[in-house]
Amino acid sequence: MSFGTNLRYFRIRKDYTLQQLAELLDVSANYLSTLENGNGKIKPDFLPRLCNVLQVTMDSLYEENDERKLYK
């Protein structure tokens, strides 16, 4: 399972659109979409902010979980 699948899973669980989350994080929706699709590089200052907004740990963004595979 990829970081992108987990990102999409947690974004949807928080009921955020790509645009809403992008605005909260001060990044483009295109950047988030690129990450969700398994492309692009994670900016060093981005990950802590993402975890804070989604209220998740960094580990949870990388862990394997069968339930989240549905969001691939």
C-alpha atoms as a PDB file:
ATOM      1  CA  MET A   1       0.000   0.000   0.000  1.00  0.00           C
ATOM      2  CA  SER A   2       1.274   3.399  -0.817  1.00  0.00           C
ATOM      3  CA  PHE A   3       1.488   6.697   0.953  1.00  0.00           C
ATOM      4  CA  GLY A   4      -0.943   8.042  -1.646  1.00  0.00           C
ATOM      5  CA  THR A   5      -3.618   5.476  -0.849  1.00  0.00           C
ATOM      6  CA  ASN A   6      -3.368   6.285   2.844  1.00  0.00           C
ATOM      7  CA  LEU A   7      -3.453  10.015   2.152  1.00  0.00           C
ATOM      8  CA  ARG A   8      -6.643   9.609   0.100  1.00  0.00           C
ATOM      9  CA  TYR A   9      -8.178   7.398   2.804  1.00  0.00           C
ATOM     10  CA  PHE A  10      -7.557   9.897   5.618  1.00  0.00           C
ATOM     11  CA  ARG A  11      -8.611  12.865   3.476  1.00  0.00           C
ATOM     12  CA  ILE A  12     -11.934  11.215   2.652  1.00  0.00           C
ATOM     13  CA  ARG A  13     -12.469  10.148   6.259  1.00  0.00           C
ATOM     14  CA  LYS A  14     -12.145  13.807   7.256  1.00  0.00           C
ATOM     15  CA  ASP A  15     -14.629  14.660   4.486  1.00  0.00           C
ATOM     16  CA  TYR A  16     -12.181  16.997   2.720  1.00  0.00           C
ATOM     17  CA  THR A  17     -12.077  17.532  -1.003  1.00  0.00           C
ATOM     18  CA  LEU A  18      -8.653  17.871  -2.583  1.00  0.00           C
ATOM     19  CA  GLN A  19      -9.253  21.610  -2.859  1.00  0.00           C
ATOM     20  CA  GLN A  20     -10.279  22.005   0.789  1.00  0.00           C
ATOM     21  CA  LEU A  21      -7.263  20.100   2.070  1.00  0.00           C
ATOM     22  CA  ALA A  22      -4.975  21.988  -0.294  1.00  0.00           C
ATOM     23  CA  GLU A  23      -6.204  25.303   1.068  1.00  0.00           C
ATOM     24  CA  LEU A  24      -5.657  24.176   4.658  1.00  0.00           C
ATOM     25  CA  LEU A  25      -2.107  23.104   3.804  1.00  0.00           C
ATOM     26  CA  ASP A  26      -1.285  26.023   1.503  1.00  0.00           C
ATOM     27  CA  VAL A  27      -0.431  23.744  -1.425  1.00  0.00           C
ATOM     28  CA  SER A  28      -2.137  23.132  -4.750  1.00  0.00           C
ATOM     29  CA  ALA A  29      -4.844  20.534  -5.225  1.00  0.00           C
ATOM     30  CA  ASN A  30      -2.747  19.278  -8.138  1.00  0.00           C
ATOM     31  CA  TYR A  31       0.155  18.576  -5.750  1.00  0.00           C
ATOM     32  CA  LEU A  32      -2.114  16.557  -3.454  1.00  0.00           C
ATOM     33  CA  SER A  33      -3.578  14.678  -6.392  1.00  0.00           C
ATOM     34  CA  THR A  34      -0.077  13.846  -7.587  1.00  0.00           C
ATOM     35  CA  LEU A  35       0.797  12.464  -4.151  1.00  0.00           C
ATOM     36  CA  GLU A  36      -2.432  10.456  -3.938  1.00  0.00           C
ATOM     37  CA  ASN A  37      -1.641   8.894  -7.296  1.00  0.00           C
ATOM     38  CA  GLY A  38       1.773   7.760  -6.075  1.00  0.00           C
ATOM     39  CA  ASN A  39       3.807  10.350  -7.923  1.00  0.00           C
ATOM     40  CA  GLY A  40       5.708  13.394  -6.818  1.00  0.00           C
ATOM     41  CA  LYS A  41       7.979  14.032  -3.906  1.00  0.00           C
ATOM     42  CA  ILE A  42       6.923  14.949  -0.401  1.00  0.00           C
ATOM     43  CA  LYS A  43       8.229  18.331   0.649  1.00  0.00           C
ATOM     44  CA  PRO A  44      10.137  18.163   3.968  1.00  0.00           C
ATOM     45  CA  ASP A  45       7.941  20.711   5.755  1.00  0.00           C
ATOM     46  CA  PHE A  46       4.739  19.257   4.323  1.00  0.00           C
ATOM     47  CA  LEU A  47       4.475  15.952   6.192  1.00  0.00           C
ATOM     48  CA  PRO A  48       4.186  17.380   9.741  1.00  0.00           C
ATOM     49  CA  ARG A  49       1.552  19.883   8.589  1.00  0.00           C
ATOM     50  CA  LEU A  50      -0.377  17.141   6.788  1.00  0.00           C
ATOM     51  CA  CYS A  51      -0.395  14.943   9.886  1.00  0.00           C
ATOM     52  CA  ASN A  52      -1.557  17.855  12.008  1.00  0.00           C
ATOM     53  CA  VAL A  53      -4.462  18.746   9.715  1.00  0.00           C
ATOM     54  CA  LEU A  54      -5.573  15.137   9.245  1.00  0.00           C
ATOM     55  CA  GLN A  55      -4.901  14.337  12.915  1.00  0.00           C
ATOM     56  CA  VAL A  56      -2.876  11.223  12.123  1.00  0.00           C
ATOM     57  CA  THR A  57       0.629  10.019  12.898  1.00  0.00           C
ATOM     58  CA  MET A  58       3.343   9.878  10.261  1.00  0.00           C
ATOM     59  CA  ASP A  59       3.485   6.117  10.734  1.00  0.00           C
ATOM     60  CA  SER A  60      -0.200   5.761   9.854  1.00  0.00           C
ATOM     61  CA  LEU A  61       0.441   7.352   6.465  1.00  0.00           C
ATOM     62  CA  TYR A  62       2.847   4.540   5.591  1.00  0.00           C
ATOM     63  CA  GLU A  63       1.358   1.477   7.298  1.00  0.00           C
ATOM     64  CA  GLU A  64      -0.356  -1.408   5.558  1.00  0.00           C
ATOM     65  CA  ASN A  65      -4.086  -1.754   6.195  1.00  0.00           C
ATOM     66  CA  ASP A  66      -6.519  -3.905   4.210  1.00  0.00           C
ATOM     67  CA  GLU A  67      -9.434  -1.522   4.793  1.00  0.00           C
ATOM     68  CA  ARG A  68      -7.583   1.313   3.071  1.00  0.00           C
ATOM     69  CA  LYS A  69      -6.922  -0.681  -0.109  1.00  0.00           C
ATOM     70  CA  LEU A  70     -10.443   0.227  -1.204  1.00  0.00           C
ATOM     71  CA  TYR A  71      -9.260   3.829  -1.652  1.00  0.00           C
ATOM     72  CA  LYS A  72      -6.547   2.976  -4.147  1.00  0.00           C
END
